[in-house]
Amino acid sequence: SLFRGTRVNRSGGAPHVQTPEEAPAADTTMGFFAKLNGPLAILRPIDIKWIMNRCVALGRDGYIATPVLYTMIWAAVWYAPSTLLWADGKPPRSVDWNKKTAGSLPKDFVKTTV
């Protein structure tokens, strides 16, 4: 299935860590479009859905949080503000304090000499 719930960590004890014998086989893990077995197994490291499903199957759900949170922090701190303020993703160019203009400069811009 596309969405699968994670196991509930019940309070009152340490979480169960699977032994290699208890871990499900990697052949049963579903990727974006298929189970990547046989010659397609080489695609497992680049299929993010396969990696996430494998982490859930092994009980390592926390491994998914780090890249997701770093991406969200980057988007909130840099990508969204730069897109909203500057539209092209680059910080403002030289400021002309005499004309009180900043940001993207027109093609026929001539710098004011003092």
C-alpha atoms as a PDB file:
ATOM      1  CA  SER A   1       0.000   0.000   0.000  1.00  0.00           C
ATOM      2  CA  LEU A   2       1.073   3.578  -0.542  1.00  0.00           C
ATOM      3  CA  PHE A   3       0.596   4.651   3.079  1.00  0.00           C
ATOM      4  CA  ARG A   4       1.414   2.375   5.962  1.00  0.00           C
ATOM      5  CA  GLY A   5       1.217   3.118   9.666  1.00  0.00           C
ATOM      6  CA  THR A   6       4.211   2.698  11.932  1.00  0.00           C
ATOM      7  CA  ARG A   7       4.267   0.493  15.008  1.00  0.00           C
ATOM      8  CA  VAL A   8       3.229   2.089  18.285  1.00  0.00           C
ATOM      9  CA  ASN A   9       6.004   2.254  20.872  1.00  0.00           C
ATOM     10  CA  ARG A  10       4.192   1.274  24.048  1.00  0.00           C
ATOM     11  CA  SER A  11       5.294   3.006  27.232  1.00  0.00           C
ATOM     12  CA  GLY A  12       6.810   0.988  30.054  1.00  0.00           C
ATOM     13  CA  GLY A  13       9.817  -0.467  28.302  1.00  0.00           C
ATOM     14  CA  ALA A  14      12.529  -0.020  25.759  1.00  0.00           C
ATOM     15  CA  PRO A  15      11.559  -0.372  22.104  1.00  0.00           C
ATOM     16  CA  HIS A  16      12.170  -3.816  20.621  1.00  0.00           C
ATOM     17  CA  VAL A  17      15.234  -3.916  18.391  1.00  0.00           C
ATOM     18  CA  GLN A  18      15.032  -6.616  15.777  1.00  0.00           C
ATOM     19  CA  THR A  19      17.750  -9.202  15.390  1.00  0.00           C
ATOM     20  CA  PRO A  20      18.921  -9.961  11.846  1.00  0.00           C
ATOM     21  CA  GLU A  21      16.901 -13.186  11.962  1.00  0.00           C
ATOM     22  CA  GLU A  22      13.694 -11.287  12.830  1.00  0.00           C
ATOM     23  CA  ALA A  23      14.118  -8.619  10.147  1.00  0.00           C
ATOM     24  CA  PRO A  24      11.901  -9.053   7.096  1.00  0.00           C
ATOM     25  CA  ALA A  25      13.617  -9.806   3.806  1.00  0.00           C
ATOM     26  CA  ALA A  26      14.490  -6.829   1.623  1.00  0.00           C
ATOM     27  CA  ASP A  27      12.761  -8.577  -1.289  1.00  0.00           C
ATOM     28  CA  THR A  28       9.355  -7.878   0.273  1.00  0.00           C
ATOM     29  CA  THR A  29       9.861  -4.101   0.497  1.00  0.00           C
ATOM     30  CA  MET A  30       7.864  -2.053  -2.004  1.00  0.00           C
ATOM     31  CA  GLY A  31       9.368   0.926  -3.830  1.00  0.00           C
ATOM     32  CA  PHE A  32       7.562   3.674  -5.735  1.00  0.00           C
ATOM     33  CA  PHE A  33       6.409   1.430  -8.560  1.00  0.00           C
ATOM     34  CA  ALA A  34       7.490  -2.125  -7.763  1.00  0.00           C
ATOM     35  CA  LYS A  35       9.464  -4.414  -5.521  1.00  0.00           C
ATOM     36  CA  LEU A  36      13.052  -3.826  -6.630  1.00  0.00           C
ATOM     37  CA  ASN A  37      14.396  -7.376  -6.853  1.00  0.00           C
ATOM     38  CA  GLY A  38      16.849  -9.153  -9.136  1.00  0.00           C
ATOM     39  CA  PRO A  39      18.672  -6.789 -11.505  1.00  0.00           C
ATOM     40  CA  LEU A  40      16.523  -3.855 -10.308  1.00  0.00           C
ATOM     41  CA  ALA A  41      17.967  -4.157  -6.788  1.00  0.00           C
ATOM     42  CA  ILE A  42      20.716  -1.746  -7.843  1.00  0.00           C
ATOM     43  CA  LEU A  43      18.062   1.016  -7.917  1.00  0.00           C
ATOM     44  CA  ARG A  44      17.230   0.638  -4.208  1.00  0.00           C
ATOM     45  CA  PRO A  45      19.613   3.388  -2.956  1.00  0.00           C
ATOM     46  CA  ILE A  46      17.983   6.020  -5.199  1.00  0.00           C
ATOM     47  CA  ASP A  47      14.329   5.010  -4.637  1.00  0.00           C
ATOM     48  CA  ILE A  48      13.380   7.140  -1.617  1.00  0.00           C
ATOM     49  CA  LYS A  49      10.076   5.278  -1.158  1.00  0.00           C
ATOM     50  CA  TRP A  50      11.921   1.954  -0.946  1.00  0.00           C
ATOM     51  CA  ILE A  51      14.344   3.406   1.599  1.00  0.00           C
ATOM     52  CA  MET A  52      11.512   4.758   3.768  1.00  0.00           C
ATOM     53  CA  ASN A  53       9.515   1.513   3.596  1.00  0.00           C
ATOM     54  CA  ARG A  54      12.657  -0.438   4.511  1.00  0.00           C
ATOM     55  CA  CYS A  55      13.273   1.820   7.533  1.00  0.00           C
ATOM     56  CA  VAL A  56       9.697   1.238   8.704  1.00  0.00           C
ATOM     57  CA  ALA A  57       9.995  -2.528   8.169  1.00  0.00           C
ATOM     58  CA  LEU A  58      13.181  -2.597  10.262  1.00  0.00           C
ATOM     59  CA  GLY A  59      11.618  -0.467  13.003  1.00  0.00           C
ATOM     60  CA  ARG A  60      13.921   2.477  12.331  1.00  0.00           C
ATOM     61  CA  ASP A  61      11.204   5.064  11.703  1.00  0.00           C
ATOM     62  CA  GLY A  62      13.369   7.845  13.144  1.00  0.00           C
ATOM     63  CA  TYR A  63      15.786   7.612  10.217  1.00  0.00           C
ATOM     64  CA  ILE A  64      13.095   9.168   8.025  1.00  0.00           C
ATOM     65  CA  ALA A  65      12.754  12.265  10.209  1.00  0.00           C
ATOM     66  CA  THR A  66      16.236  13.725   9.733  1.00  0.00           C
ATOM     67  CA  PRO A  67      16.197  14.401   5.957  1.00  0.00           C
ATOM     68  CA  VAL A  68      12.560  15.514   6.118  1.00  0.00           C
ATOM     69  CA  LEU A  69      13.172  17.971   8.970  1.00  0.00           C
ATOM     70  CA  TYR A  70      16.357  19.361   7.396  1.00  0.00           C
ATOM     71  CA  THR A  71      14.457  19.933   4.150  1.00  0.00           C
ATOM     72  CA  MET A  72      11.616  21.670   5.986  1.00  0.00           C
ATOM     73  CA  ILE A  73      14.048  23.911   7.906  1.00  0.00           C
ATOM     74  CA  TRP A  74      15.880  24.835   4.679  1.00  0.00           C
ATOM     75  CA  ALA A  75      12.578  25.622   2.963  1.00  0.00           C
ATOM     76  CA  ALA A  76      11.328  27.757   5.861  1.00  0.00           C
ATOM     77  CA  VAL A  77      14.580  29.638   6.427  1.00  0.00           C
ATOM     78  CA  TRP A  78      15.886  30.159   2.885  1.00  0.00           C
ATOM     79  CA  TYR A  79      13.779  28.894  -0.023  1.00  0.00           C
ATOM     80  CA  ALA A  80      10.398  30.407   0.877  1.00  0.00           C
ATOM     81  CA  PRO A  81      11.700  33.859   1.931  1.00  0.00           C
ATOM     82  CA  SER A  82      14.024  34.159  -1.067  1.00  0.00           C
ATOM     83  CA  THR A  83      11.245  33.158  -3.440  1.00  0.00           C
ATOM     84  CA  LEU A  84       8.731  35.508  -1.866  1.00  0.00           C
ATOM     85  CA  LEU A  85      11.070  38.500  -1.559  1.00  0.00           C
ATOM     86  CA  TRP A  86      13.379  38.228  -4.535  1.00  0.00           C
ATOM     87  CA  ALA A  87      11.483  35.878  -6.895  1.00  0.00           C
ATOM     88  CA  ASP A  88      14.644  34.669  -8.638  1.00  0.00           C
ATOM     89  CA  GLY A  89      16.212  33.147  -5.536  1.00  0.00           C
ATOM     90  CA  LYS A  90      19.182  35.511  -5.464  1.00  0.00           C
ATOM     91  CA  PRO A  91      19.759  38.195  -2.824  1.00  0.00           C
ATOM     92  CA  PRO A  92      19.348  41.851  -3.858  1.00  0.00           C
ATOM     93  CA  ARG A  93      22.023  43.388  -6.030  1.00  0.00           C
ATOM     94  CA  SER A  94      23.765  46.692  -5.429  1.00  0.00           C
ATOM     95  CA  VAL A  95      21.655  49.299  -3.745  1.00  0.00           C
ATOM     96  CA  ASP A  96      21.549  52.757  -5.283  1.00  0.00           C
ATOM     97  CA  TRP A  97      20.996  54.944  -2.245  1.00  0.00           C
ATOM     98  CA  ASN A  98      20.596  58.114  -4.325  1.00  0.00           C
ATOM     99  CA  LYS A  99      17.646  56.826  -6.325  1.00  0.00           C
ATOM    100  CA  LYS A 100      16.414  54.665  -3.407  1.00  0.00           C
ATOM    101  CA  THR A 101      16.126  51.546  -5.547  1.00  0.00           C
ATOM    102  CA  ALA A 102      17.288  48.029  -4.801  1.00  0.00           C
ATOM    103  CA  GLY A 103      16.780  44.486  -6.038  1.00  0.00           C
ATOM    104  CA  SER A 104      16.760  43.550  -9.699  1.00  0.00           C
ATOM    105  CA  LEU A 105      18.311  46.326 -11.758  1.00  0.00           C
ATOM    106  CA  PRO A 106      16.959  47.362 -15.161  1.00  0.00           C
ATOM    107  CA  LYS A 107      19.078  46.678 -18.246  1.00  0.00           C
ATOM    108  CA  ASP A 108      19.814  50.388 -18.856  1.00  0.00           C
ATOM    109  CA  PHE A 109      20.918  50.985 -15.256  1.00  0.00           C
ATOM    110  CA  VAL A 110      23.633  53.640 -14.827  1.00  0.00           C
ATOM    111  CA  LYS A 111      25.211  53.893 -11.425  1.00  0.00           C
ATOM    112  CA  THR A 112      24.956  57.332  -9.849  1.00  0.00           C
ATOM    113  CA  THR A 113      28.357  58.896  -9.462  1.00  0.00           C
ATOM    114  CA  VAL A 114      29.071  60.919  -6.352  1.00  0.00           C
END
